[in-house]
Amino acid sequence: MFEIITFRLAQGVDEATFRAADTRVQVEFAYHQPGFLRRTLGRQADRWLILQVWASGEAAEAASTAFDAAPVGAELMALIDVSSLSVERFAGVD
């Protein structure tokens, strides 16, 4: 399961602050989720992308629920312009 998350940073948030929070999410949260396979960060101008790979849709959904309850999740979400947030999931075909 591929999870593609795109967004812009909230007004006034600098890149260093965001990247530090994103690293904490990866190390303190994502690596500990059942079914987690890979996570990477990308950027194009003022748009950001997080690509996550999960063993299944169920694993992605469970991690999303856990993220919503995690302190590092709230910290990261506070830095994102929520109106620009898009989350899409795609099943792997190979």
C-alpha atoms as a PDB file:
ATOM      1  CA  MET A   1       0.000   0.000   0.000  1.00  0.00           C
ATOM      2  CA  PHE A   2       1.398   3.343  -1.074  1.00  0.00           C
ATOM      3  CA  GLU A   3       0.319   6.380   0.913  1.00  0.00           C
ATOM      4  CA  ILE A   4       0.947   9.766  -0.687  1.00  0.00           C
ATOM      5  CA  ILE A   5       0.569  12.804   1.550  1.00  0.00           C
ATOM      6  CA  THR A   6       0.963  16.309   0.102  1.00  0.00           C
ATOM      7  CA  PHE A   7       0.694  19.664   1.844  1.00  0.00           C
ATOM      8  CA  ARG A   8       2.120  23.127   2.398  1.00  0.00           C
ATOM      9  CA  LEU A   9       3.597  24.342   5.648  1.00  0.00           C
ATOM     10  CA  ALA A  10       1.533  26.611   7.860  1.00  0.00           C
ATOM     11  CA  GLN A  11       2.291  30.291   7.543  1.00  0.00           C
ATOM     12  CA  GLY A  12       5.417  31.279   9.450  1.00  0.00           C
ATOM     13  CA  VAL A  13       6.770  27.721   9.826  1.00  0.00           C
ATOM     14  CA  ASP A  14      10.378  27.440   8.722  1.00  0.00           C
ATOM     15  CA  GLU A  15      11.832  24.406   6.989  1.00  0.00           C
ATOM     16  CA  ALA A  16      14.234  23.504   9.804  1.00  0.00           C
ATOM     17  CA  THR A  17      11.435  23.347  12.369  1.00  0.00           C
ATOM     18  CA  PHE A  18       9.285  21.212  10.089  1.00  0.00           C
ATOM     19  CA  ARG A  19      12.097  18.839   9.142  1.00  0.00           C
ATOM     20  CA  ALA A  20      13.040  18.315  12.794  1.00  0.00           C
ATOM     21  CA  ALA A  21       9.436  17.417  13.628  1.00  0.00           C
ATOM     22  CA  ASP A  22       9.204  15.152  10.571  1.00  0.00           C
ATOM     23  CA  THR A  23      12.366  13.314  11.637  1.00  0.00           C
ATOM     24  CA  ARG A  24      10.853  12.743  15.080  1.00  0.00           C
ATOM     25  CA  VAL A  25       7.718  11.298  13.464  1.00  0.00           C
ATOM     26  CA  GLN A  26       9.822   8.940  11.385  1.00  0.00           C
ATOM     27  CA  VAL A  27      12.104   7.786  14.212  1.00  0.00           C
ATOM     28  CA  GLU A  28       9.747   7.887  17.202  1.00  0.00           C
ATOM     29  CA  PHE A  29       6.525   6.832  15.497  1.00  0.00           C
ATOM     30  CA  ALA A  30       6.633   5.379  11.964  1.00  0.00           C
ATOM     31  CA  TYR A  31       9.426   2.852  12.547  1.00  0.00           C
ATOM     32  CA  HIS A  32       7.380   1.347  15.395  1.00  0.00           C
ATOM     33  CA  GLN A  33       4.156   0.795  13.456  1.00  0.00           C
ATOM     34  CA  PRO A  34       3.182  -2.749  12.451  1.00  0.00           C
ATOM     35  CA  GLY A  35       3.321  -3.156   8.685  1.00  0.00           C
ATOM     36  CA  PHE A  36       5.512  -0.096   8.117  1.00  0.00           C
ATOM     37  CA  LEU A  37       7.951  -0.580   5.232  1.00  0.00           C
ATOM     38  CA  ARG A  38       9.300   2.827   4.108  1.00  0.00           C
ATOM     39  CA  ARG A  39       8.843   6.571   4.495  1.00  0.00           C
ATOM     40  CA  THR A  40      10.504   9.417   2.631  1.00  0.00           C
ATOM     41  CA  LEU A  41      10.121  13.183   2.310  1.00  0.00           C
ATOM     42  CA  GLY A  42      10.127  15.277  -0.865  1.00  0.00           C
ATOM     43  CA  ARG A  43       9.638  18.906  -1.793  1.00  0.00           C
ATOM     44  CA  GLN A  44       8.728  20.963  -4.856  1.00  0.00           C
ATOM     45  CA  ALA A  45       8.811  24.720  -4.226  1.00  0.00           C
ATOM     46  CA  ASP A  46       6.384  25.286  -1.322  1.00  0.00           C
ATOM     47  CA  ARG A  47       4.679  21.861  -1.640  1.00  0.00           C
ATOM     48  CA  TRP A  48       5.813  18.896   0.414  1.00  0.00           C
ATOM     49  CA  LEU A  49       5.290  15.186  -0.065  1.00  0.00           C
ATOM     50  CA  ILE A  50       5.534  12.291   2.351  1.00  0.00           C
ATOM     51  CA  LEU A  51       5.534   8.889   0.689  1.00  0.00           C
ATOM     52  CA  GLN A  52       4.889   5.955   2.982  1.00  0.00           C
ATOM     53  CA  VAL A  53       4.811   2.304   2.053  1.00  0.00           C
ATOM     54  CA  TRP A  54       2.779  -0.134   4.140  1.00  0.00           C
ATOM     55  CA  ALA A  55       2.388  -3.896   4.056  1.00  0.00           C
ATOM     56  CA  SER A  56      -1.402  -3.480   3.748  1.00  0.00           C
ATOM     57  CA  GLY A  57      -4.232  -0.998   3.764  1.00  0.00           C
ATOM     58  CA  GLU A  58      -5.151  -2.185   7.247  1.00  0.00           C
ATOM     59  CA  ALA A  59      -1.647  -1.345   8.499  1.00  0.00           C
ATOM     60  CA  ALA A  60      -1.872   2.127   6.934  1.00  0.00           C
ATOM     61  CA  GLU A  61      -5.280   2.756   8.507  1.00  0.00           C
ATOM     62  CA  ALA A  62      -4.167   1.553  11.952  1.00  0.00           C
ATOM     63  CA  ALA A  63      -1.083   3.773  11.786  1.00  0.00           C
ATOM     64  CA  SER A  64      -3.220   6.752  10.759  1.00  0.00           C
ATOM     65  CA  THR A  65      -5.432   6.262  13.805  1.00  0.00           C
ATOM     66  CA  ALA A  66      -2.388   5.911  16.066  1.00  0.00           C
ATOM     67  CA  PHE A  67      -0.795   9.014  14.491  1.00  0.00           C
ATOM     68  CA  ASP A  68      -3.883  11.078  15.322  1.00  0.00           C
ATOM     69  CA  ALA A  69      -3.468  10.135  19.004  1.00  0.00           C
ATOM     70  CA  ALA A  70       0.338  10.488  19.187  1.00  0.00           C
ATOM     71  CA  PRO A  71       1.999  13.638  20.588  1.00  0.00           C
ATOM     72  CA  VAL A  72       4.468  13.683  17.667  1.00  0.00           C
ATOM     73  CA  GLY A  73       1.501  13.518  15.303  1.00  0.00           C
ATOM     74  CA  ALA A  74      -0.065  16.593  16.865  1.00  0.00           C
ATOM     75  CA  GLU A  75       3.295  18.379  16.762  1.00  0.00           C
ATOM     76  CA  LEU A  76       3.710  17.713  13.042  1.00  0.00           C
ATOM     77  CA  MET A  77       0.109  18.590  12.183  1.00  0.00           C
ATOM     78  CA  ALA A  78       0.478  21.950  13.948  1.00  0.00           C
ATOM     79  CA  LEU A  79       3.137  22.853  11.368  1.00  0.00           C
ATOM     80  CA  ILE A  80       1.023  21.966   8.311  1.00  0.00           C
ATOM     81  CA  ASP A  81      -1.544  24.097   6.493  1.00  0.00           C
ATOM     82  CA  VAL A  82      -4.382  21.613   6.960  1.00  0.00           C
ATOM     83  CA  SER A  83      -6.414  23.218   4.147  1.00  0.00           C
ATOM     84  CA  SER A  84      -3.687  22.094   1.711  1.00  0.00           C
ATOM     85  CA  LEU A  85      -3.449  18.534   3.057  1.00  0.00           C
ATOM     86  CA  SER A  86      -4.188  15.625   0.719  1.00  0.00           C
ATOM     87  CA  VAL A  87      -3.848  11.919   1.588  1.00  0.00           C
ATOM     88  CA  GLU A  88      -4.194   9.237  -1.087  1.00  0.00           C
ATOM     89  CA  ARG A  89      -3.638   5.496  -0.882  1.00  0.00           C
ATOM     90  CA  PHE A  90      -2.823   3.217  -3.797  1.00  0.00           C
ATOM     91  CA  ALA A  91      -2.631  -0.561  -3.841  1.00  0.00           C
ATOM     92  CA  GLY A  92       0.573  -2.016  -5.239  1.00  0.00           C
ATOM     93  CA  VAL A  93       0.129  -4.019  -8.424  1.00  0.00           C
ATOM     94  CA  ASP A  94       3.470  -5.777  -8.782  1.00  0.00           C
END
